[in-house]
Amino acid sequence: MYLIVGLGNPGAQYARNRHNIGFMVTDELIRAPGFGPEKKQFDGFAAEGKIETLKGPDKVLVLKPQTFMNLSGNSVSKAMQFYKIKPEHVIVFHDELDLAPGRLRMKLGGGHAGHNGLRSIMGHIGPNFMRGRLGIGHPGVREMVHDWVLGDFGKADQIWVNTLTDACARALPLLFTGLPDAAERYTTEVMRLAPAPKLDTRQLNTQAKQDGAN
């Protein structure tokens, strides 16, 4: 079994935050045929299902921790222990400041780069899990980062956000091929289905100032 985790904060007030784009991906995944209803489990909401691959169906558990971001590892480790899932069979989708809005990069292992959700997960299971890094852009200055990640996506962003999260769900079987370049193939297909928007630094800075003023 594989564990697919979306990171975010629980509650309606955070639902459209940039920090919650991981939740948005998992919401798309569980809408697909073959997934059961969400259940409250493992300090989160979980849904079991199957991903059809060239090798046949693979069982997956989709998990949205409800512990708030900085305690995400509690939820992830409980699910892993229950199903005896190995770290290399864990895929975590999360927001990434160091990627332009709409970009996706898959990465195995590495540091947490200050991301509290990753920091928490690494504290429980180590670094050797797959990360789906979803670009939200950087506001330009460190002092604006907090308001930026906890700010809502703008109306203009919703087009690329919806397209990207849908593409992440549709292309998922490519991650389960067992091929050495599966992550690269997956990234390429997602970017084909959902090309990143062309945004310049001035647009990001303007949005960041608006978030800070709210």
N, C-alpha and C. Protein backbone atom coordinates (compact mmCIF):
# COMPACT_ATOMS: atom_id res chain seq x y z
N MET A 1 0.84 -1.20 0.00
CA MET A 1 0.00 0.00 0.00
C MET A 1 0.88 1.24 0.00
N TYR A 2 0.38 2.29 -0.67
CA TYR A 2 1.04 3.59 -0.69
C TYR A 2 0.21 4.58 0.13
N LEU A 3 0.88 5.55 0.70
CA LEU A 3 0.23 6.61 1.45
C LEU A 3 0.46 7.93 0.73
N ILE A 4 -0.63 8.58 0.35
CA ILE A 4 -0.55 9.88 -0.31
C ILE A 4 -1.10 10.92 0.65
N VAL A 5 -0.26 11.87 1.01
CA VAL A 5 -0.59 12.87 2.02
C VAL A 5 -0.68 14.25 1.39
N GLY A 6 -1.74 14.98 1.72
CA GLY A 6 -1.83 16.38 1.36
C GLY A 6 -1.66 17.21 2.62
N LEU A 7 -0.82 18.24 2.58
CA LEU A 7 -0.59 19.06 3.76
C LEU A 7 -1.41 20.35 3.71
N GLY A 8 -1.88 20.74 4.88
CA GLY A 8 -2.66 21.97 5.01
C GLY A 8 -3.08 22.15 6.46
N ASN A 9 -3.85 23.18 6.70
CA ASN A 9 -4.41 23.44 8.02
C ASN A 9 -5.92 23.20 7.99
N PRO A 10 -6.49 22.61 9.05
CA PRO A 10 -7.93 22.35 9.07
C PRO A 10 -8.72 23.61 9.37
N GLY A 11 -9.96 23.63 8.90
CA GLY A 11 -10.85 24.76 9.18
C GLY A 11 -11.15 25.58 7.95
N ALA A 12 -12.38 26.08 7.90
CA ALA A 12 -12.83 26.83 6.72
C ALA A 12 -12.00 28.08 6.48
N GLN A 13 -11.49 28.69 7.54
CA GLN A 13 -10.73 29.94 7.38
C GLN A 13 -9.41 29.74 6.65
N TYR A 14 -8.94 28.49 6.59
CA TYR A 14 -7.67 28.20 5.90
C TYR A 14 -7.87 27.53 4.55
N ALA A 15 -9.10 27.23 4.20
CA ALA A 15 -9.37 26.33 3.07
C ALA A 15 -8.75 26.79 1.75
N ARG A 16 -8.72 28.11 1.49
CA ARG A 16 -8.20 28.61 0.22
C ARG A 16 -6.79 29.18 0.33
N ASN A 17 -6.16 28.98 1.49
CA ASN A 17 -4.79 29.47 1.68
C ASN A 17 -3.81 28.80 0.72
N ARG A 18 -2.76 29.53 0.36
CA ARG A 18 -1.68 28.93 -0.44
C ARG A 18 -1.07 27.72 0.29
N HIS A 19 -1.01 27.81 1.62
CA HIS A 19 -0.43 26.74 2.43
C HIS A 19 -1.23 25.45 2.32
N ASN A 20 -2.46 25.53 1.83
CA ASN A 20 -3.35 24.37 1.78
C ASN A 20 -3.43 23.72 0.42
N ILE A 21 -2.54 24.04 -0.48
CA ILE A 21 -2.63 23.47 -1.82
C ILE A 21 -2.45 21.95 -1.80
N GLY A 22 -1.75 21.43 -0.80
CA GLY A 22 -1.64 19.97 -0.67
C GLY A 22 -2.99 19.32 -0.42
N PHE A 23 -3.81 19.94 0.44
CA PHE A 23 -5.18 19.47 0.66
C PHE A 23 -5.96 19.46 -0.65
N MET A 24 -5.76 20.50 -1.45
CA MET A 24 -6.52 20.63 -2.70
C MET A 24 -6.22 19.48 -3.65
N VAL A 25 -4.96 19.01 -3.66
CA VAL A 25 -4.60 17.86 -4.50
C VAL A 25 -5.30 16.60 -4.00
N THR A 26 -5.25 16.36 -2.70
CA THR A 26 -5.87 15.14 -2.18
C THR A 26 -7.39 15.17 -2.34
N ASP A 27 -7.99 16.36 -2.27
CA ASP A 27 -9.43 16.47 -2.52
C ASP A 27 -9.76 16.00 -3.94
N GLU A 28 -8.91 16.34 -4.90
CA GLU A 28 -9.11 15.89 -6.27
C GLU A 28 -8.95 14.38 -6.38
N LEU A 29 -7.96 13.85 -5.69
CA LEU A 29 -7.70 12.40 -5.77
C LEU A 29 -8.90 11.58 -5.33
N ILE A 30 -9.50 11.95 -4.21
CA ILE A 30 -10.57 11.11 -3.66
C ILE A 30 -11.89 11.28 -4.41
N ARG A 31 -11.94 12.21 -5.35
CA ARG A 31 -13.14 12.32 -6.20
C ARG A 31 -13.11 11.28 -7.32
N ALA A 32 -11.96 10.68 -7.54
CA ALA A 32 -11.81 9.71 -8.63
C ALA A 32 -12.57 8.43 -8.32
N PRO A 33 -13.03 7.72 -9.35
CA PRO A 33 -13.68 6.43 -9.13
C PRO A 33 -12.74 5.46 -8.41
N GLY A 34 -13.32 4.64 -7.58
CA GLY A 34 -12.50 3.65 -6.89
C GLY A 34 -12.08 4.04 -5.49
N PHE A 35 -12.45 5.25 -5.07
CA PHE A 35 -12.13 5.69 -3.72
C PHE A 35 -13.37 5.66 -2.85
N GLY A 36 -13.20 5.15 -1.64
CA GLY A 36 -14.29 5.14 -0.68
C GLY A 36 -14.46 6.51 -0.05
N PRO A 37 -15.46 6.67 0.80
CA PRO A 37 -15.69 7.95 1.46
C PRO A 37 -14.59 8.26 2.47
N GLU A 38 -14.42 9.54 2.73
CA GLU A 38 -13.47 9.95 3.76
C GLU A 38 -13.95 9.50 5.14
N LYS A 39 -13.01 9.05 5.94
CA LYS A 39 -13.31 8.68 7.32
C LYS A 39 -12.37 9.43 8.24
N LYS A 40 -12.84 9.70 9.45
CA LYS A 40 -11.98 10.36 10.42
C LYS A 40 -11.10 9.30 11.06
N GLN A 41 -9.83 9.30 10.69
CA GLN A 41 -8.86 8.32 11.16
C GLN A 41 -7.48 8.96 11.28
N PHE A 42 -6.66 8.42 12.17
CA PHE A 42 -5.25 8.79 12.25
C PHE A 42 -5.07 10.30 12.45
N ASP A 43 -5.91 10.91 13.26
CA ASP A 43 -5.86 12.36 13.47
C ASP A 43 -6.01 13.13 12.16
N GLY A 44 -6.84 12.59 11.28
CA GLY A 44 -7.05 13.25 10.01
C GLY A 44 -8.26 12.67 9.30
N PHE A 45 -8.41 13.01 8.03
CA PHE A 45 -9.43 12.42 7.18
C PHE A 45 -8.73 11.52 6.17
N ALA A 46 -9.18 10.29 6.06
CA ALA A 46 -8.52 9.31 5.21
C ALA A 46 -9.53 8.62 4.30
N ALA A 47 -9.09 8.27 3.10
CA ALA A 47 -9.92 7.54 2.15
C ALA A 47 -9.07 6.49 1.46
N GLU A 48 -9.57 5.26 1.42
CA GLU A 48 -8.86 4.18 0.74
C GLU A 48 -9.34 4.08 -0.71
N GLY A 49 -8.43 3.65 -1.56
CA GLY A 49 -8.80 3.48 -2.95
C GLY A 49 -7.74 2.72 -3.71
N LYS A 50 -7.90 2.71 -5.03
CA LYS A 50 -6.95 2.02 -5.90
C LYS A 50 -6.58 2.93 -7.05
N ILE A 51 -5.32 2.84 -7.45
CA ILE A 51 -4.82 3.55 -8.61
C ILE A 51 -4.54 2.52 -9.70
N GLU A 52 -5.16 2.68 -10.85
CA GLU A 52 -4.94 1.76 -11.95
C GLU A 52 -3.62 2.09 -12.63
N THR A 53 -2.76 1.10 -12.72
CA THR A 53 -1.46 1.28 -13.36
C THR A 53 -1.27 0.23 -14.43
N LEU A 54 -0.15 0.32 -15.16
CA LEU A 54 0.14 -0.68 -16.19
C LEU A 54 0.34 -2.06 -15.59
N LYS A 55 0.70 -2.12 -14.30
CA LYS A 55 0.91 -3.39 -13.61
C LYS A 55 -0.37 -3.93 -12.99
N GLY A 56 -1.45 -3.13 -13.06
CA GLY A 56 -2.68 -3.47 -12.37
C GLY A 56 -2.94 -2.47 -11.26
N PRO A 57 -3.98 -2.69 -10.45
CA PRO A 57 -4.32 -1.73 -9.41
C PRO A 57 -3.36 -1.77 -8.22
N ASP A 58 -3.01 -0.59 -7.73
CA ASP A 58 -2.23 -0.46 -6.50
C ASP A 58 -3.11 0.16 -5.43
N LYS A 59 -3.08 -0.40 -4.22
CA LYS A 59 -3.85 0.15 -3.12
C LYS A 59 -3.18 1.41 -2.59
N VAL A 60 -4.00 2.41 -2.28
CA VAL A 60 -3.48 3.65 -1.73
C VAL A 60 -4.39 4.12 -0.60
N LEU A 61 -3.80 4.85 0.32
CA LEU A 61 -4.55 5.56 1.35
C LEU A 61 -4.24 7.04 1.17
N VAL A 62 -5.29 7.83 1.00
CA VAL A 62 -5.13 9.28 0.88
C VAL A 62 -5.44 9.89 2.24
N LEU A 63 -4.56 10.76 2.72
CA LEU A 63 -4.67 11.29 4.08
C LEU A 63 -4.53 12.80 4.10
N LYS A 64 -5.44 13.46 4.83
CA LYS A 64 -5.37 14.89 5.10
C LYS A 64 -5.25 15.07 6.63
N PRO A 65 -4.04 15.26 7.15
CA PRO A 65 -3.89 15.44 8.59
C PRO A 65 -4.71 16.64 9.07
N GLN A 66 -5.35 16.49 10.22
CA GLN A 66 -6.16 17.56 10.81
C GLN A 66 -5.53 18.07 12.11
N THR A 67 -4.23 17.96 12.20
CA THR A 67 -3.50 18.31 13.42
C THR A 67 -2.91 19.71 13.37
N PHE A 68 -3.16 20.46 12.31
CA PHE A 68 -2.45 21.68 11.95
C PHE A 68 -1.07 21.29 11.44
N MET A 69 -0.55 22.19 10.60
CA MET A 69 0.63 21.88 9.80
C MET A 69 1.81 21.39 10.62
N ASN A 70 2.11 22.06 11.73
CA ASN A 70 3.35 21.73 12.43
C ASN A 70 3.29 20.43 13.23
N LEU A 71 2.15 19.73 13.20
CA LEU A 71 2.03 18.41 13.83
C LEU A 71 1.62 17.34 12.83
N SER A 72 1.82 17.60 11.56
CA SER A 72 1.39 16.66 10.51
C SER A 72 2.00 15.28 10.67
N GLY A 73 3.21 15.21 11.20
CA GLY A 73 3.89 13.93 11.34
C GLY A 73 3.17 12.97 12.27
N ASN A 74 2.43 13.50 13.24
CA ASN A 74 1.66 12.63 14.15
C ASN A 74 0.67 11.79 13.36
N SER A 75 -0.06 12.45 12.47
CA SER A 75 -1.08 11.78 11.67
C SER A 75 -0.44 10.80 10.69
N VAL A 76 0.60 11.24 10.01
CA VAL A 76 1.26 10.40 9.01
C VAL A 76 1.83 9.13 9.65
N SER A 77 2.50 9.28 10.78
CA SER A 77 3.11 8.12 11.42
C SER A 77 2.07 7.12 11.91
N LYS A 78 0.91 7.60 12.38
CA LYS A 78 -0.15 6.69 12.82
C LYS A 78 -0.67 5.85 11.65
N ALA A 79 -0.89 6.50 10.52
CA ALA A 79 -1.37 5.76 9.34
C ALA A 79 -0.33 4.75 8.87
N MET A 80 0.92 5.15 8.86
CA MET A 80 1.99 4.25 8.42
C MET A 80 2.10 3.04 9.33
N GLN A 81 2.01 3.26 10.63
CA GLN A 81 2.12 2.15 11.57
C GLN A 81 0.96 1.17 11.43
N PHE A 82 -0.23 1.70 11.23
CA PHE A 82 -1.41 0.85 11.12
C PHE A 82 -1.33 -0.05 9.90
N TYR A 83 -0.91 0.52 8.76
CA TYR A 83 -0.85 -0.25 7.51
C TYR A 83 0.54 -0.80 7.19
N LYS A 84 1.49 -0.54 8.10
CA LYS A 84 2.87 -1.01 7.89
C LYS A 84 3.44 -0.51 6.56
N ILE A 85 3.29 0.78 6.34
CA ILE A 85 3.76 1.42 5.11
C ILE A 85 5.19 1.92 5.29
N LYS A 86 6.03 1.65 4.34
CA LYS A 86 7.43 2.09 4.39
C LYS A 86 7.54 3.56 3.97
N PRO A 87 8.54 4.29 4.49
CA PRO A 87 8.70 5.70 4.10
C PRO A 87 8.81 5.92 2.60
N GLU A 88 9.47 4.98 1.89
CA GLU A 88 9.61 5.16 0.44
C GLU A 88 8.29 4.97 -0.31
N HIS A 89 7.24 4.53 0.39
CA HIS A 89 5.92 4.42 -0.21
C HIS A 89 5.00 5.56 0.23
N VAL A 90 5.61 6.62 0.74
CA VAL A 90 4.85 7.81 1.17
C VAL A 90 5.10 8.93 0.17
N ILE A 91 4.03 9.57 -0.28
CA ILE A 91 4.10 10.70 -1.20
C ILE A 91 3.38 11.87 -0.55
N VAL A 92 4.08 12.98 -0.35
CA VAL A 92 3.52 14.14 0.34
C VAL A 92 3.43 15.32 -0.62
N PHE A 93 2.25 15.85 -0.82
CA PHE A 93 2.05 17.05 -1.64
C PHE A 93 1.99 18.27 -0.72
N HIS A 94 2.78 19.28 -1.05
CA HIS A 94 2.85 20.47 -0.19
C HIS A 94 3.20 21.72 -1.00
N ASP A 95 2.95 22.87 -0.40
CA ASP A 95 3.27 24.14 -1.03
C ASP A 95 4.78 24.37 -1.00
N GLU A 96 5.27 25.06 -2.02
CA GLU A 96 6.72 25.30 -2.14
C GLU A 96 6.98 26.75 -2.53
N LEU A 97 7.57 27.51 -1.62
CA LEU A 97 7.88 28.92 -1.86
C LEU A 97 8.92 29.11 -2.97
N ASP A 98 9.85 28.17 -3.08
CA ASP A 98 10.97 28.34 -3.99
C ASP A 98 10.69 27.88 -5.42
N LEU A 99 9.43 27.62 -5.73
CA LEU A 99 9.02 27.33 -7.10
C LEU A 99 8.01 28.37 -7.54
N ALA A 100 8.08 28.74 -8.80
CA ALA A 100 7.12 29.70 -9.34
C ALA A 100 5.70 29.15 -9.26
N PRO A 101 4.71 30.02 -9.15
CA PRO A 101 3.33 29.55 -9.07
C PRO A 101 2.96 28.64 -10.24
N GLY A 102 2.37 27.49 -9.90
CA GLY A 102 1.92 26.56 -10.93
C GLY A 102 2.93 25.52 -11.34
N ARG A 103 4.15 25.60 -10.81
CA ARG A 103 5.16 24.61 -11.15
C ARG A 103 5.08 23.42 -10.19
N LEU A 104 5.45 22.23 -10.67
CA LEU A 104 5.51 21.03 -9.85
C LEU A 104 6.89 20.40 -10.00
N ARG A 105 7.45 19.97 -8.87
CA ARG A 105 8.68 19.19 -8.90
C ARG A 105 8.55 18.05 -7.89
N MET A 106 8.85 16.85 -8.33
CA MET A 106 8.87 15.70 -7.44
C MET A 106 10.29 15.52 -6.93
N LYS A 107 10.41 15.19 -5.66
CA LYS A 107 11.72 15.05 -5.05
C LYS A 107 11.69 13.94 -4.02
N LEU A 108 12.69 13.09 -4.02
CA LEU A 108 12.83 12.04 -3.01
C LEU A 108 13.87 12.48 -2.00
N GLY A 109 13.47 12.56 -0.73
CA GLY A 109 14.40 12.92 0.32
C GLY A 109 14.74 14.40 0.31
N GLY A 110 15.75 14.75 1.09
CA GLY A 110 16.18 16.14 1.21
C GLY A 110 15.75 16.76 2.53
N GLY A 111 15.98 18.05 2.66
CA GLY A 111 15.63 18.77 3.88
C GLY A 111 14.22 19.30 3.85
N HIS A 112 13.87 20.04 4.90
CA HIS A 112 12.50 20.58 4.97
C HIS A 112 12.43 22.04 4.54
N ALA A 113 13.57 22.73 4.40
CA ALA A 113 13.63 24.12 3.93
C ALA A 113 12.69 25.03 4.72
N GLY A 114 12.54 24.75 6.00
CA GLY A 114 11.70 25.60 6.84
C GLY A 114 10.23 25.30 6.81
N HIS A 115 9.83 24.31 6.03
CA HIS A 115 8.40 23.96 5.94
C HIS A 115 8.03 23.13 7.17
N ASN A 116 7.13 23.65 8.00
CA ASN A 116 6.82 23.00 9.27
C ASN A 116 6.15 21.64 9.11
N GLY A 117 5.38 21.47 8.06
CA GLY A 117 4.74 20.18 7.82
C GLY A 117 5.77 19.11 7.51
N LEU A 118 6.72 19.45 6.62
CA LEU A 118 7.78 18.50 6.30
C LEU A 118 8.67 18.26 7.51
N ARG A 119 8.95 19.31 8.25
CA ARG A 119 9.79 19.17 9.45
C ARG A 119 9.18 18.16 10.42
N SER A 120 7.86 18.26 10.60
CA SER A 120 7.17 17.36 11.52
C SER A 120 7.20 15.92 11.01
N ILE A 121 6.95 15.73 9.73
CA ILE A 121 6.95 14.38 9.16
C ILE A 121 8.34 13.77 9.25
N MET A 122 9.35 14.54 8.93
CA MET A 122 10.72 14.05 9.00
C MET A 122 11.10 13.66 10.42
N GLY A 123 10.58 14.39 11.41
CA GLY A 123 10.86 14.06 12.79
C GLY A 123 10.31 12.71 13.20
N HIS A 124 9.28 12.23 12.49
CA HIS A 124 8.67 10.93 12.81
C HIS A 124 9.19 9.79 11.94
N ILE A 125 9.43 10.05 10.65
CA ILE A 125 9.73 8.94 9.74
C ILE A 125 11.05 9.11 8.99
N GLY A 126 11.77 10.20 9.24
CA GLY A 126 13.00 10.43 8.49
C GLY A 126 12.74 11.14 7.17
N PRO A 127 13.78 11.38 6.37
CA PRO A 127 13.66 12.18 5.15
C PRO A 127 13.34 11.42 3.88
N ASN A 128 13.35 10.09 3.92
CA ASN A 128 13.30 9.32 2.68
C ASN A 128 11.89 9.01 2.19
N PHE A 129 11.14 10.08 1.92
CA PHE A 129 9.82 9.95 1.31
C PHE A 129 9.75 10.90 0.12
N MET A 130 8.78 10.66 -0.76
CA MET A 130 8.63 11.46 -1.96
C MET A 130 7.84 12.73 -1.66
N ARG A 131 8.32 13.85 -2.19
CA ARG A 131 7.61 15.11 -2.00
C ARG A 131 7.11 15.63 -3.35
N GLY A 132 5.86 16.00 -3.41
CA GLY A 132 5.31 16.69 -4.56
C GLY A 132 5.28 18.18 -4.24
N ARG A 133 6.28 18.91 -4.73
CA ARG A 133 6.45 20.32 -4.39
C ARG A 133 5.63 21.17 -5.35
N LEU A 134 4.64 21.86 -4.82
CA LEU A 134 3.70 22.65 -5.62
C LEU A 134 4.02 24.13 -5.46
N GLY A 135 4.46 24.74 -6.54
CA GLY A 135 4.92 26.12 -6.48
C GLY A 135 3.83 27.12 -6.17
N ILE A 136 4.11 27.99 -5.17
CA ILE A 136 3.20 29.10 -4.87
C ILE A 136 3.91 30.44 -5.03
N GLY A 137 5.19 30.40 -5.40
CA GLY A 137 5.95 31.63 -5.54
C GLY A 137 6.38 32.19 -4.20
N HIS A 138 7.27 33.18 -4.25
CA HIS A 138 7.80 33.83 -3.04
C HIS A 138 7.40 35.29 -3.07
N PRO A 139 7.01 35.86 -1.94
CA PRO A 139 6.58 37.26 -1.94
C PRO A 139 7.71 38.25 -2.16
N GLY A 140 8.95 37.80 -2.11
CA GLY A 140 10.06 38.69 -2.42
C GLY A 140 10.92 39.04 -1.23
N VAL A 141 10.31 39.16 -0.06
CA VAL A 141 11.07 39.46 1.16
C VAL A 141 10.62 38.51 2.26
N ARG A 142 11.56 38.16 3.12
CA ARG A 142 11.29 37.16 4.16
C ARG A 142 10.16 37.57 5.09
N GLU A 143 10.07 38.87 5.38
CA GLU A 143 9.07 39.36 6.34
C GLU A 143 7.64 39.15 5.86
N MET A 144 7.46 38.96 4.57
CA MET A 144 6.11 38.79 4.02
C MET A 144 5.71 37.32 3.88
N VAL A 145 6.63 36.40 4.16
CA VAL A 145 6.35 34.98 3.90
C VAL A 145 5.15 34.48 4.69
N HIS A 146 5.06 34.82 5.97
CA HIS A 146 3.97 34.31 6.82
C HIS A 146 2.61 34.71 6.24
N ASP A 147 2.44 36.00 5.93
CA ASP A 147 1.17 36.45 5.37
C ASP A 147 0.91 35.86 3.99
N TRP A 148 1.98 35.62 3.26
CA TRP A 148 1.85 35.07 1.90
C TRP A 148 1.30 33.64 1.94
N VAL A 149 1.94 32.77 2.73
CA VAL A 149 1.50 31.37 2.73
C VAL A 149 0.13 31.20 3.38
N LEU A 150 -0.20 32.06 4.34
CA LEU A 150 -1.52 31.97 4.99
C LEU A 150 -2.55 32.89 4.34
N GLY A 151 -2.18 33.48 3.20
CA GLY A 151 -3.13 34.26 2.43
C GLY A 151 -3.83 33.38 1.41
N ASP A 152 -5.04 33.78 1.02
CA ASP A 152 -5.80 33.02 0.03
C ASP A 152 -5.25 33.24 -1.37
N PHE A 153 -5.39 32.23 -2.20
CA PHE A 153 -5.13 32.42 -3.62
C PHE A 153 -6.09 33.48 -4.15
N GLY A 154 -5.60 34.33 -5.04
CA GLY A 154 -6.44 35.33 -5.66
C GLY A 154 -7.39 34.72 -6.68
N LYS A 155 -8.36 35.50 -7.10
CA LYS A 155 -9.33 35.00 -8.08
C LYS A 155 -8.65 34.57 -9.37
N ALA A 156 -7.66 35.34 -9.80
CA ALA A 156 -6.96 35.00 -11.04
C ALA A 156 -6.16 33.71 -10.89
N ASP A 157 -5.76 33.38 -9.66
CA ASP A 157 -4.99 32.16 -9.42
C ASP A 157 -5.84 30.90 -9.54
N GLN A 158 -7.13 31.02 -9.33
CA GLN A 158 -7.97 29.82 -9.24
C GLN A 158 -7.92 28.98 -10.50
N ILE A 159 -7.72 29.61 -11.65
CA ILE A 159 -7.67 28.84 -12.90
C ILE A 159 -6.49 27.89 -12.89
N TRP A 160 -5.29 28.42 -12.60
CA TRP A 160 -4.12 27.53 -12.63
C TRP A 160 -4.11 26.57 -11.44
N VAL A 161 -4.64 27.00 -10.29
CA VAL A 161 -4.69 26.10 -9.13
C VAL A 161 -5.58 24.90 -9.44
N ASN A 162 -6.77 25.16 -9.97
CA ASN A 162 -7.69 24.07 -10.30
C ASN A 162 -7.13 23.15 -11.37
N THR A 163 -6.49 23.75 -12.38
CA THR A 163 -5.91 22.95 -13.46
C THR A 163 -4.76 22.09 -12.95
N LEU A 164 -3.91 22.66 -12.08
CA LEU A 164 -2.76 21.94 -11.55
C LEU A 164 -3.19 20.79 -10.64
N THR A 165 -4.11 21.05 -9.72
CA THR A 165 -4.52 19.98 -8.80
C THR A 165 -5.22 18.86 -9.55
N ASP A 166 -6.00 19.21 -10.56
CA ASP A 166 -6.65 18.18 -11.39
C ASP A 166 -5.61 17.35 -12.13
N ALA A 167 -4.59 18.01 -12.67
CA ALA A 167 -3.54 17.30 -13.41
C ALA A 167 -2.74 16.38 -12.49
N CYS A 168 -2.49 16.82 -11.26
CA CYS A 168 -1.77 15.98 -10.30
C CYS A 168 -2.53 14.68 -10.05
N ALA A 169 -3.85 14.77 -9.99
CA ALA A 169 -4.66 13.58 -9.76
C ALA A 169 -4.73 12.71 -11.01
N ARG A 170 -4.92 13.30 -12.16
CA ARG A 170 -5.07 12.54 -13.39
C ARG A 170 -3.80 11.80 -13.78
N ALA A 171 -2.65 12.39 -13.53
CA ALA A 171 -1.38 11.79 -13.95
C ALA A 171 -0.83 10.80 -12.93
N LEU A 172 -1.48 10.64 -11.80
CA LEU A 172 -0.92 9.86 -10.69
C LEU A 172 -0.47 8.45 -11.07
N PRO A 173 -1.17 7.72 -11.94
CA PRO A 173 -0.70 6.36 -12.28
C PRO A 173 0.75 6.30 -12.75
N LEU A 174 1.26 7.39 -13.31
CA LEU A 174 2.64 7.39 -13.79
C LEU A 174 3.65 7.25 -12.64
N LEU A 175 3.25 7.60 -11.42
CA LEU A 175 4.14 7.46 -10.28
C LEU A 175 4.29 6.01 -9.84
N PHE A 176 3.39 5.15 -10.33
CA PHE A 176 3.33 3.77 -9.85
C PHE A 176 3.78 2.76 -10.91
N THR A 177 4.60 3.21 -11.84
CA THR A 177 5.05 2.31 -12.90
C THR A 177 6.21 1.43 -12.46
N GLY A 178 6.90 1.83 -11.40
CA GLY A 178 8.07 1.09 -10.96
C GLY A 178 9.32 1.42 -11.76
N LEU A 179 9.23 2.34 -12.71
CA LEU A 179 10.38 2.71 -13.53
C LEU A 179 11.27 3.70 -12.79
N PRO A 180 12.58 3.68 -13.06
CA PRO A 180 13.49 4.60 -12.37
C PRO A 180 13.16 6.07 -12.59
N ASP A 181 12.56 6.39 -13.74
CA ASP A 181 12.26 7.79 -14.04
C ASP A 181 10.77 8.10 -13.85
N ALA A 182 10.09 7.35 -12.99
CA ALA A 182 8.65 7.53 -12.80
C ALA A 182 8.32 8.95 -12.33
N ALA A 183 9.10 9.48 -11.38
CA ALA A 183 8.83 10.82 -10.87
C ALA A 183 9.00 11.87 -11.96
N GLU A 184 10.02 11.68 -12.79
CA GLU A 184 10.25 12.62 -13.90
C GLU A 184 9.11 12.55 -14.92
N ARG A 185 8.67 11.33 -15.23
CA ARG A 185 7.56 11.17 -16.18
C ARG A 185 6.28 11.82 -15.63
N TYR A 186 6.06 11.63 -14.36
CA TYR A 186 4.88 12.21 -13.72
C TYR A 186 4.93 13.74 -13.79
N THR A 187 6.07 14.31 -13.45
CA THR A 187 6.22 15.76 -13.50
C THR A 187 5.97 16.30 -14.90
N THR A 188 6.56 15.63 -15.88
CA THR A 188 6.40 16.08 -17.27
C THR A 188 4.94 16.04 -17.70
N GLU A 189 4.22 14.98 -17.32
CA GLU A 189 2.82 14.87 -17.70
C GLU A 189 1.96 15.91 -17.00
N VAL A 190 2.22 16.15 -15.73
CA VAL A 190 1.46 17.19 -15.02
C VAL A 190 1.67 18.55 -15.67
N MET A 191 2.90 18.87 -16.00
CA MET A 191 3.19 20.16 -16.61
C MET A 191 2.64 20.25 -18.04
N ARG A 192 2.49 19.11 -18.69
CA ARG A 192 1.85 19.12 -20.01
C ARG A 192 0.36 19.41 -19.87
N LEU A 193 -0.27 18.78 -18.89
CA LEU A 193 -1.70 18.98 -18.67
C LEU A 193 -2.02 20.35 -18.07
N ALA A 194 -1.06 20.88 -17.30
CA ALA A 194 -1.31 22.14 -16.59
C ALA A 194 -0.08 23.05 -16.69
N PRO A 195 0.15 23.65 -17.85
CA PRO A 195 1.31 24.54 -17.98
C PRO A 195 1.24 25.67 -16.96
N ALA A 196 2.37 25.99 -16.36
CA ALA A 196 2.40 27.04 -15.34
C ALA A 196 2.07 28.39 -15.97
N PRO A 197 1.38 29.26 -15.22
CA PRO A 197 1.04 30.58 -15.75
C PRO A 197 2.27 31.45 -15.87
N LYS A 198 2.20 32.42 -16.75
CA LYS A 198 3.31 33.35 -16.90
C LYS A 198 3.05 34.56 -16.01
N LEU A 199 3.72 34.56 -14.88
CA LEU A 199 3.58 35.66 -13.92
C LEU A 199 4.94 36.32 -13.75
N ASP A 200 4.94 37.65 -13.63
CA ASP A 200 6.22 38.33 -13.37
C ASP A 200 6.32 38.73 -11.90
N THR A 201 7.49 39.15 -11.52
CA THR A 201 7.76 39.49 -10.12
C THR A 201 6.86 40.61 -9.64
N ARG A 202 6.52 41.56 -10.51
CA ARG A 202 5.67 42.67 -10.08
C ARG A 202 4.29 42.19 -9.65
N GLN A 203 3.74 41.20 -10.36
CA GLN A 203 2.44 40.66 -9.97
C GLN A 203 2.51 40.00 -8.60
N LEU A 204 3.57 39.24 -8.34
CA LEU A 204 3.72 38.58 -7.05
C LEU A 204 3.88 39.60 -5.93
N ASN A 205 4.68 40.64 -6.17
CA ASN A 205 4.89 41.65 -5.14
C ASN A 205 3.62 42.40 -4.82
N THR A 206 2.82 42.68 -5.86
CA THR A 206 1.55 43.37 -5.64
C THR A 206 0.61 42.53 -4.80
N GLN A 207 0.51 41.23 -5.12
CA GLN A 207 -0.35 40.34 -4.36
C GLN A 207 0.14 40.20 -2.92
N ALA A 208 1.46 40.15 -2.73
CA ALA A 208 2.02 40.01 -1.39
C ALA A 208 1.69 41.23 -0.54
N LYS A 209 1.76 42.42 -1.13
CA LYS A 209 1.43 43.63 -0.39
C LYS A 209 -0.05 43.65 0.00
N GLN A 210 -0.88 43.18 -0.92
CA GLN A 210 -2.32 43.11 -0.63
C GLN A 210 -2.60 42.13 0.52
N ASP A 211 -1.90 40.97 0.52
CA ASP A 211 -2.07 40.00 1.61
C ASP A 211 -1.64 40.60 2.93
N GLY A 212 -0.54 41.35 2.91
CA GLY A 212 -0.04 41.93 4.14
C GLY A 212 -0.92 43.02 4.69
N ALA A 213 -1.69 43.68 3.80
CA ALA A 213 -2.57 44.76 4.22
C ALA A 213 -3.88 44.25 4.77
N ASN A 214 -4.25 43.00 4.44
CA ASN A 214 -5.52 42.42 4.89
C ASN A 214 -5.46 41.93 6.32
